[in-house]
Amino acid sequence: MSPVEDPRLERQGRRLSGAGVRWLVAGLVVGIPGVAMVVVGLITAIRWMWPVGIALLLLASAPLFVAFALLSSGAVSRWAARRKLFA
């Protein structure tokens, strides 16, 4: 790794990434049971289970989107702190 030239950007990137990981965990906590309910509901033909699983997946999509945005912003911030080119 190259040396950090802008410690404020590096610190901001770490803070964004930390928040992104927390949002990712929140999305996975809701999303994993949703996937399980969809799979089990379709295999066993339980009529109410797969729509509830799809609803859980839709609810999990919002925190997962926020997590993706925060993790991406954190990565860009940490990369910019090293004054490296992006392309």
PDB file of N, CA and C in Angstrom:
ATOM      1  N   MET A   1       0.837  -1.181   0.000  1.00  0.00           N
ATOM      2  CA  MET A   1       0.000   0.000   0.000  1.00  0.00           C
ATOM      3  C   MET A   1       0.877   1.238   0.000  1.00  0.00           C
ATOM      4  N   SER A   2       0.426   2.200  -0.728  1.00  0.00           N
ATOM      5  CA  SER A   2       1.156   3.450  -0.766  1.00  0.00           C
ATOM      6  C   SER A   2       0.816   4.279   0.471  1.00  0.00           C
ATOM      7  N   PRO A   3       1.695   5.203   0.811  1.00  0.00           N
ATOM      8  CA  PRO A   3       1.450   6.005   2.021  1.00  0.00           C
ATOM      9  C   PRO A   3       0.243   6.933   1.856  1.00  0.00           C
ATOM     10  N   VAL A   4      -0.386   7.190   2.978  1.00  0.00           N
ATOM     11  CA  VAL A   4      -1.553   8.072   2.999  1.00  0.00           C
ATOM     12  C   VAL A   4      -1.067   9.512   2.986  1.00  0.00           C
ATOM     13  N   GLU A   5      -1.556  10.275   2.017  1.00  0.00           N
ATOM     14  CA  GLU A   5      -1.159  11.679   1.923  1.00  0.00           C
ATOM     15  C   GLU A   5      -2.186  12.614   2.550  1.00  0.00           C
ATOM     16  N   ASP A   6      -3.400  12.149   2.682  1.00  0.00           N
ATOM     17  CA  ASP A   6      -4.455  12.973   3.274  1.00  0.00           C
ATOM     18  C   ASP A   6      -5.145  12.167   4.378  1.00  0.00           C
ATOM     19  N   PRO A   7      -4.705  12.333   5.634  1.00  0.00           N
ATOM     20  CA  PRO A   7      -5.268  11.511   6.710  1.00  0.00           C
ATOM     21  C   PRO A   7      -6.751  11.772   6.973  1.00  0.00           C
ATOM     22  N   ARG A   8      -7.235  12.977   6.664  1.00  0.00           N
ATOM     23  CA  ARG A   8      -8.664  13.245   6.884  1.00  0.00           C
ATOM     24  C   ARG A   8      -9.534  12.420   5.943  1.00  0.00           C
ATOM     25  N   LEU A   9      -9.106  12.303   4.685  1.00  0.00           N
ATOM     26  CA  LEU A   9      -9.860  11.472   3.741  1.00  0.00           C
ATOM     27  C   LEU A   9      -9.794  10.000   4.134  1.00  0.00           C
ATOM     28  N   GLU A  10      -8.651   9.565   4.611  1.00  0.00           N
ATOM     29  CA  GLU A  10      -8.513   8.171   5.057  1.00  0.00           C
ATOM     30  C   GLU A  10      -9.453   7.891   6.232  1.00  0.00           C
ATOM     31  N   ARG A  11      -9.492   8.801   7.182  1.00  0.00           N
ATOM     32  CA  ARG A  11     -10.369   8.641   8.347  1.00  0.00           C
ATOM     33  C   ARG A  11     -11.842   8.653   7.924  1.00  0.00           C
ATOM     34  N   GLN A  12     -12.187   9.533   7.004  1.00  0.00           N
ATOM     35  CA  GLN A  12     -13.566   9.585   6.502  1.00  0.00           C
ATOM     36  C   GLN A  12     -13.928   8.279   5.796  1.00  0.00           C
ATOM     37  N   GLY A  13     -12.995   7.732   5.031  1.00  0.00           N
ATOM     38  CA  GLY A  13     -13.243   6.467   4.351  1.00  0.00           C
ATOM     39  C   GLY A  13     -13.455   5.324   5.321  1.00  0.00           C
ATOM     40  N   ARG A  14     -12.677   5.299   6.394  1.00  0.00           N
ATOM     41  CA  ARG A  14     -12.862   4.250   7.413  1.00  0.00           C
ATOM     42  C   ARG A  14     -14.219   4.392   8.090  1.00  0.00           C
ATOM     43  N   ARG A  15     -14.630   5.623   8.369  1.00  0.00           N
ATOM     44  CA  ARG A  15     -15.930   5.826   9.016  1.00  0.00           C
ATOM     45  C   ARG A  15     -17.078   5.418   8.098  1.00  0.00           C
ATOM     46  N   LEU A  16     -16.970   5.751   6.821  1.00  0.00           N
ATOM     47  CA  LEU A  16     -18.014   5.347   5.878  1.00  0.00           C
ATOM     48  C   LEU A  16     -18.066   3.829   5.736  1.00  0.00           C
ATOM     49  N   SER A  17     -16.898   3.197   5.682  1.00  0.00           N
ATOM     50  CA  SER A  17     -16.862   1.739   5.543  1.00  0.00           C
ATOM     51  C   SER A  17     -17.426   1.053   6.781  1.00  0.00           C
ATOM     52  N   GLY A  18     -17.147   1.589   7.954  1.00  0.00           N
ATOM     53  CA  GLY A  18     -17.690   1.010   9.183  1.00  0.00           C
ATOM     54  C   GLY A  18     -19.204   1.073   9.220  1.00  0.00           C
ATOM     55  N   ALA A  19     -19.752   2.216   8.812  1.00  0.00           N
ATOM     56  CA  ALA A  19     -21.211   2.331   8.757  1.00  0.00           C
ATOM     57  C   ALA A  19     -21.783   1.412   7.683  1.00  0.00           C
ATOM     58  N   GLY A  20     -21.062   1.260   6.578  1.00  0.00           N
ATOM     59  CA  GLY A  20     -21.518   0.376   5.509  1.00  0.00           C
ATOM     60  C   GLY A  20     -21.588  -1.075   5.945  1.00  0.00           C
ATOM     61  N   VAL A  21     -20.627  -1.500   6.756  1.00  0.00           N
ATOM     62  CA  VAL A  21     -20.636  -2.879   7.252  1.00  0.00           C
ATOM     63  C   VAL A  21     -21.839  -3.098   8.166  1.00  0.00           C
ATOM     64  N   ARG A  22     -22.150  -2.119   8.999  1.00  0.00           N
ATOM     65  CA  ARG A  22     -23.320  -2.264   9.874  1.00  0.00           C
ATOM     66  C   ARG A  22     -24.614  -2.359   9.062  1.00  0.00           C
ATOM     67  N   TRP A  23     -24.753  -1.543   8.021  1.00  0.00           N
ATOM     68  CA  TRP A  23     -25.935  -1.629   7.160  1.00  0.00           C
ATOM     69  C   TRP A  23     -25.967  -2.961   6.417  1.00  0.00           C
ATOM     70  N   LEU A  24     -24.798  -3.464   6.021  1.00  0.00           N
ATOM     71  CA  LEU A  24     -24.737  -4.751   5.335  1.00  0.00           C
ATOM     72  C   LEU A  24     -25.224  -5.874   6.239  1.00  0.00           C
ATOM     73  N   VAL A  25     -24.792  -5.851   7.485  1.00  0.00           N
ATOM     74  CA  VAL A  25     -25.241  -6.872   8.442  1.00  0.00           C
ATOM     75  C   VAL A  25     -26.753  -6.780   8.646  1.00  0.00           C
ATOM     76  N   ALA A  26     -27.274  -5.568   8.756  1.00  0.00           N
ATOM     77  CA  ALA A  26     -28.722  -5.403   8.937  1.00  0.00           C
ATOM     78  C   ALA A  26     -29.490  -5.945   7.733  1.00  0.00           C
ATOM     79  N   GLY A  27     -28.993  -5.693   6.541  1.00  0.00           N
ATOM     80  CA  GLY A  27     -29.654  -6.211   5.350  1.00  0.00           C
ATOM     81  C   GLY A  27     -29.577  -7.721   5.252  1.00  0.00           C
ATOM     82  N   LEU A  28     -28.438  -8.289   5.647  1.00  0.00           N
ATOM     83  CA  LEU A  28     -28.294  -9.745   5.590  1.00  0.00           C
ATOM     84  C   LEU A  28     -29.150 -10.443   6.637  1.00  0.00           C
ATOM     85  N   VAL A  29     -29.309  -9.806   7.793  1.00  0.00           N
ATOM     86  CA  VAL A  29     -30.148 -10.399   8.842  1.00  0.00           C
ATOM     87  C   VAL A  29     -31.587 -10.553   8.352  1.00  0.00           C
ATOM     88  N   VAL A  30     -32.057  -9.622   7.548  1.00  0.00           N
ATOM     89  CA  VAL A  30     -33.415  -9.708   7.010  1.00  0.00           C
ATOM     90  C   VAL A  30     -33.445 -10.532   5.721  1.00  0.00           C
ATOM     91  N   GLY A  31     -32.389 -10.438   4.917  1.00  0.00           N
ATOM     92  CA  GLY A  31     -32.390 -11.078   3.606  1.00  0.00           C
ATOM     93  C   GLY A  31     -32.196 -12.581   3.624  1.00  0.00           C
ATOM     94  N   ILE A  32     -31.348 -13.083   4.503  1.00  0.00           N
ATOM     95  CA  ILE A  32     -31.079 -14.526   4.530  1.00  0.00           C
ATOM     96  C   ILE A  32     -32.333 -15.328   4.889  1.00  0.00           C
ATOM     97  N   PRO A  33     -33.090 -14.953   5.922  1.00  0.00           N
ATOM     98  CA  PRO A  33     -34.349 -15.679   6.148  1.00  0.00           C
ATOM     99  C   PRO A  33     -35.329 -15.533   4.981  1.00  0.00           C
ATOM    100  N   GLY A  34     -35.288 -14.403   4.288  1.00  0.00           N
ATOM    101  CA  GLY A  34     -36.156 -14.226   3.126  1.00  0.00           C
ATOM    102  C   GLY A  34     -35.832 -15.217   2.023  1.00  0.00           C
ATOM    103  N   VAL A  35     -34.541 -15.400   1.752  1.00  0.00           N
ATOM    104  CA  VAL A  35     -34.130 -16.383   0.744  1.00  0.00           C
ATOM    105  C   VAL A  35     -34.536 -17.782   1.183  1.00  0.00           C
ATOM    106  N   ALA A  36     -34.312 -18.092   2.456  1.00  0.00           N
ATOM    107  CA  ALA A  36     -34.677 -19.420   2.962  1.00  0.00           C
ATOM    108  C   ALA A  36     -36.181 -19.656   2.845  1.00  0.00           C
ATOM    109  N   MET A  37     -36.979 -18.642   3.152  1.00  0.00           N
ATOM    110  CA  MET A  37     -38.430 -18.809   3.062  1.00  0.00           C
ATOM    111  C   MET A  37     -38.890 -18.987   1.619  1.00  0.00           C
ATOM    112  N   VAL A  38     -38.268 -18.284   0.687  1.00  0.00           N
ATOM    113  CA  VAL A  38     -38.637 -18.454  -0.720  1.00  0.00           C
ATOM    114  C   VAL A  38     -38.301 -19.865  -1.182  1.00  0.00           C
ATOM    115  N   VAL A  39     -37.098 -20.335  -0.860  1.00  0.00           N
ATOM    116  CA  VAL A  39     -36.682 -21.672  -1.302  1.00  0.00           C
ATOM    117  C   VAL A  39     -37.556 -22.749  -0.670  1.00  0.00           C
ATOM    118  N   VAL A  40     -37.739 -22.679   0.640  1.00  0.00           N
ATOM    119  CA  VAL A  40     -38.547 -23.694   1.328  1.00  0.00           C
ATOM    120  C   VAL A  40     -40.002 -23.616   0.869  1.00  0.00           C
ATOM    121  N   GLY A  41     -40.512 -22.433   0.682  1.00  0.00           N
ATOM    122  CA  GLY A  41     -41.897 -22.281   0.248  1.00  0.00           C
ATOM    123  C   GLY A  41     -42.137 -22.832  -1.143  1.00  0.00           C
ATOM    124  N   LEU A  42     -41.161 -22.675  -2.042  1.00  0.00           N
ATOM    125  CA  LEU A  42     -41.333 -23.208  -3.389  1.00  0.00           C
ATOM    126  C   LEU A  42     -41.132 -24.720  -3.436  1.00  0.00           C
ATOM    127  N   ILE A  43     -40.238 -25.246  -2.603  1.00  0.00           N
ATOM    128  CA  ILE A  43     -39.994 -26.692  -2.602  1.00  0.00           C
ATOM    129  C   ILE A  43     -41.161 -27.439  -1.961  1.00  0.00           C
ATOM    130  N   THR A  44     -41.641 -26.955  -0.834  1.00  0.00           N
ATOM    131  CA  THR A  44     -42.678 -27.681  -0.094  1.00  0.00           C
ATOM    132  C   THR A  44     -44.095 -27.266  -0.476  1.00  0.00           C
ATOM    133  N   ALA A  45     -44.218 -26.297  -1.342  1.00  0.00           N
ATOM    134  CA  ALA A  45     -45.519 -25.807  -1.817  1.00  0.00           C
ATOM    135  C   ALA A  45     -46.384 -25.257  -0.687  1.00  0.00           C
ATOM    136  N   ILE A  46     -45.747 -24.618   0.285  1.00  0.00           N
ATOM    137  CA  ILE A  46     -46.498 -23.904   1.316  1.00  0.00           C
ATOM    138  C   ILE A  46     -46.869 -22.546   0.719  1.00  0.00           C
ATOM    139  N   ARG A  47     -48.140 -22.312   0.585  1.00  0.00           N
ATOM    140  CA  ARG A  47     -48.606 -21.177  -0.208  1.00  0.00           C
ATOM    141  C   ARG A  47     -48.265 -19.819   0.389  1.00  0.00           C
ATOM    142  N   TRP A  48     -48.201 -19.687   1.692  1.00  0.00           N
ATOM    143  CA  TRP A  48     -47.983 -18.379   2.304  1.00  0.00           C
ATOM    144  C   TRP A  48     -46.509 -18.058   2.480  1.00  0.00           C
ATOM    145  N   MET A  49     -45.625 -19.061   2.391  1.00  0.00           N
ATOM    146  CA  MET A  49     -44.236 -18.839   2.773  1.00  0.00           C
ATOM    147  C   MET A  49     -43.436 -18.060   1.728  1.00  0.00           C
ATOM    148  N   TRP A  50     -43.580 -18.372   0.459  1.00  0.00           N
ATOM    149  CA  TRP A  50     -42.737 -17.689  -0.516  1.00  0.00           C
ATOM    150  C   TRP A  50     -43.115 -16.227  -0.723  1.00  0.00           C
ATOM    151  N   PRO A  51     -44.399 -15.820  -0.640  1.00  0.00           N
ATOM    152  CA  PRO A  51     -44.658 -14.376  -0.722  1.00  0.00           C
ATOM    153  C   PRO A  51     -44.089 -13.595   0.466  1.00  0.00           C
ATOM    154  N   VAL A  52     -44.114 -14.208   1.643  1.00  0.00           N
ATOM    155  CA  VAL A  52     -43.514 -13.548   2.811  1.00  0.00           C
ATOM    156  C   VAL A  52     -42.002 -13.435   2.614  1.00  0.00           C
ATOM    157  N   GLY A  53     -41.396 -14.469   2.045  1.00  0.00           N
ATOM    158  CA  GLY A  53     -39.962 -14.424   1.754  1.00  0.00           C
ATOM    159  C   GLY A  53     -39.618 -13.332   0.759  1.00  0.00           C
ATOM    160  N   ILE A  54     -40.441 -13.169  -0.255  1.00  0.00           N
ATOM    161  CA  ILE A  54     -40.204 -12.099  -1.231  1.00  0.00           C
ATOM    162  C   ILE A  54     -40.367 -10.734  -0.572  1.00  0.00           C
ATOM    163  N   ALA A  55     -41.334 -10.603   0.318  1.00  0.00           N
ATOM    164  CA  ALA A  55     -41.509  -9.337   1.042  1.00  0.00           C
ATOM    165  C   ALA A  55     -40.283  -9.035   1.902  1.00  0.00           C
ATOM    166  N   LEU A  56     -39.730 -10.062   2.548  1.00  0.00           N
ATOM    167  CA  LEU A  56     -38.515  -9.855   3.344  1.00  0.00           C
ATOM    168  C   LEU A  56     -37.340  -9.447   2.455  1.00  0.00           C
ATOM    169  N   LEU A  57     -37.242 -10.051   1.280  1.00  0.00           N
ATOM    170  CA  LEU A  57     -36.170  -9.667   0.357  1.00  0.00           C
ATOM    171  C   LEU A  57     -36.326  -8.221  -0.108  1.00  0.00           C
ATOM    172  N   LEU A  58     -37.555  -7.803  -0.331  1.00  0.00           N
ATOM    173  CA  LEU A  58     -37.776  -6.408  -0.712  1.00  0.00           C
ATOM    174  C   LEU A  58     -37.412  -5.459   0.428  1.00  0.00           C
ATOM    175  N   LEU A  59     -37.738  -5.851   1.658  1.00  0.00           N
ATOM    176  CA  LEU A  59     -37.350  -5.028   2.809  1.00  0.00           C
ATOM    177  C   LEU A  59     -35.833  -5.002   2.988  1.00  0.00           C
ATOM    178  N   ALA A  60     -35.164  -6.098   2.667  1.00  0.00           N
ATOM    179  CA  ALA A  60     -33.711  -6.165   2.823  1.00  0.00           C
ATOM    180  C   ALA A  60     -32.984  -5.385   1.736  1.00  0.00           C
ATOM    181  N   SER A  61     -33.650  -5.105   0.630  1.00  0.00           N
ATOM    182  CA  SER A  61     -32.966  -4.424  -0.466  1.00  0.00           C
ATOM    183  C   SER A  61     -32.584  -2.987  -0.105  1.00  0.00           C
ATOM    184  N   ALA A  62     -33.362  -2.314   0.719  1.00  0.00           N
ATOM    185  CA  ALA A  62     -33.050  -0.925   1.086  1.00  0.00           C
ATOM    186  C   ALA A  62     -31.759  -0.821   1.900  1.00  0.00           C
ATOM    187  N   PRO A  63     -31.600  -1.577   3.009  1.00  0.00           N
ATOM    188  CA  PRO A  63     -30.333  -1.471   3.726  1.00  0.00           C
ATOM    189  C   PRO A  63     -29.144  -1.999   2.923  1.00  0.00           C
ATOM    190  N   LEU A  64     -29.375  -2.966   2.045  1.00  0.00           N
ATOM    191  CA  LEU A  64     -28.272  -3.460   1.217  1.00  0.00           C
ATOM    192  C   LEU A  64     -27.832  -2.405   0.211  1.00  0.00           C
ATOM    193  N   PHE A  65     -28.776  -1.634  -0.312  1.00  0.00           N
ATOM    194  CA  PHE A  65     -28.423  -0.545  -1.220  1.00  0.00           C
ATOM    195  C   PHE A  65     -27.630   0.536  -0.485  1.00  0.00           C
ATOM    196  N   VAL A  66     -28.063   0.876   0.718  1.00  0.00           N
ATOM    197  CA  VAL A  66     -27.338   1.870   1.524  1.00  0.00           C
ATOM    198  C   VAL A  66     -25.936   1.356   1.841  1.00  0.00           C
ATOM    199  N   ALA A  67     -25.819   0.071   2.165  1.00  0.00           N
ATOM    200  CA  ALA A  67     -24.513  -0.521   2.463  1.00  0.00           C
ATOM    201  C   ALA A  67     -23.600  -0.441   1.250  1.00  0.00           C
ATOM    202  N   PHE A  68     -24.124  -0.755   0.070  1.00  0.00           N
ATOM    203  CA  PHE A  68     -23.320  -0.679  -1.147  1.00  0.00           C
ATOM    204  C   PHE A  68     -22.825   0.744  -1.383  1.00  0.00           C
ATOM    205  N   ALA A  69     -23.704   1.722  -1.191  1.00  0.00           N
ATOM    206  CA  ALA A  69     -23.327   3.119  -1.402  1.00  0.00           C
ATOM    207  C   ALA A  69     -22.260   3.561  -0.404  1.00  0.00           C
ATOM    208  N   LEU A  70     -22.419   3.205   0.864  1.00  0.00           N
ATOM    209  CA  LEU A  70     -21.441   3.610   1.875  1.00  0.00           C
ATOM    210  C   LEU A  70     -20.098   2.915   1.671  1.00  0.00           C
ATOM    211  N   LEU A  71     -20.119   1.629   1.348  1.00  0.00           N
ATOM    212  CA  LEU A  71     -18.865   0.912   1.124  1.00  0.00           C
ATOM    213  C   LEU A  71     -18.146   1.434  -0.118  1.00  0.00           C
ATOM    214  N   SER A  72     -18.891   1.762  -1.160  1.00  0.00           N
ATOM    215  CA  SER A  72     -18.286   2.330  -2.365  1.00  0.00           C
ATOM    216  C   SER A  72     -17.684   3.702  -2.075  1.00  0.00           C
ATOM    217  N   SER A  73     -18.415   4.528  -1.347  1.00  0.00           N
ATOM    218  CA  SER A  73     -17.904   5.859  -1.005  1.00  0.00           C
ATOM    219  C   SER A  73     -16.670   5.763  -0.123  1.00  0.00           C
ATOM    220  N   GLY A  74     -16.678   4.825   0.808  1.00  0.00           N
ATOM    221  CA  GLY A  74     -15.512   4.634   1.661  1.00  0.00           C
ATOM    222  C   GLY A  74     -14.298   4.184   0.882  1.00  0.00           C
ATOM    223  N   ALA A  75     -14.503   3.292  -0.083  1.00  0.00           N
ATOM    224  CA  ALA A  75     -13.381   2.823  -0.900  1.00  0.00           C
ATOM    225  C   ALA A  75     -12.817   3.954  -1.755  1.00  0.00           C
ATOM    226  N   VAL A  76     -13.688   4.768  -2.328  1.00  0.00           N
ATOM    227  CA  VAL A  76     -13.228   5.899  -3.137  1.00  0.00           C
ATOM    228  C   VAL A  76     -12.487   6.903  -2.266  1.00  0.00           C
ATOM    229  N   SER A  77     -12.988   7.159  -1.080  1.00  0.00           N
ATOM    230  CA  SER A  77     -12.342   8.113  -0.181  1.00  0.00           C
ATOM    231  C   SER A  77     -10.956   7.631   0.236  1.00  0.00           C
ATOM    232  N   ARG A  78     -10.846   6.358   0.552  1.00  0.00           N
ATOM    233  CA  ARG A  78      -9.542   5.824   0.961  1.00  0.00           C
ATOM    234  C   ARG A  78      -8.571   5.804  -0.214  1.00  0.00           C
ATOM    235  N   TRP A  79      -9.069   5.545  -1.414  1.00  0.00           N
ATOM    236  CA  TRP A  79      -8.213   5.555  -2.597  1.00  0.00           C
ATOM    237  C   TRP A  79      -7.743   6.981  -2.885  1.00  0.00           C
ATOM    238  N   ALA A  80      -8.645   7.947  -2.749  1.00  0.00           N
ATOM    239  CA  ALA A  80      -8.290   9.341  -3.006  1.00  0.00           C
ATOM    240  C   ALA A  80      -7.315   9.869  -1.961  1.00  0.00           C
ATOM    241  N   ALA A  81      -7.331   9.315  -0.757  1.00  0.00           N
ATOM    242  CA  ALA A  81      -6.408   9.761   0.287  1.00  0.00           C
ATOM    243  C   ALA A  81      -4.967   9.449  -0.082  1.00  0.00           C
ATOM    244  N   ARG A  82      -4.758   8.487  -0.965  1.00  0.00           N
ATOM    245  CA  ARG A  82      -3.410   8.124  -1.393  1.00  0.00           C
ATOM    246  C   ARG A  82      -2.982   8.881  -2.653  1.00  0.00           C
ATOM    247  N   ARG A  83      -3.858   9.731  -3.159  1.00  0.00           N
ATOM    248  CA  ARG A  83      -3.601  10.540  -4.352  1.00  0.00           C
ATOM    249  C   ARG A  83      -3.208   9.673  -5.549  1.00  0.00           C
ATOM    250  N   LYS A  84      -3.910   8.536  -5.695  1.00  0.00           N
ATOM    251  CA  LYS A  84      -3.673   7.658  -6.838  1.00  0.00           C
ATOM    252  C   LYS A  84      -4.715   7.950  -7.915  1.00  0.00           C
ATOM    253  N   LEU A  85      -4.361   7.632  -9.145  1.00  0.00           N
ATOM    254  CA  LEU A  85      -5.291   7.815 -10.250  1.00  0.00           C
ATOM    255  C   LEU A  85      -6.365   6.738 -10.207  1.00  0.00           C
ATOM    256  N   PHE A  86      -7.557   7.081 -10.681  1.00  0.00           N
ATOM    257  CA  PHE A  86      -8.662   6.132 -10.695  1.00  0.00           C
ATOM    258  C   PHE A  86      -8.703   5.326 -11.985  1.00  0.00           C
ATOM    259  N   ALA A  87      -8.177   5.865 -13.053  1.00  0.00           N
ATOM    260  CA  ALA A  87      -8.237   5.162 -14.343  1.00  0.00           C
ATOM    261  C   ALA A  87      -6.850   4.908 -14.878  1.00  0.00           C
TER     262      ALA A  87
END
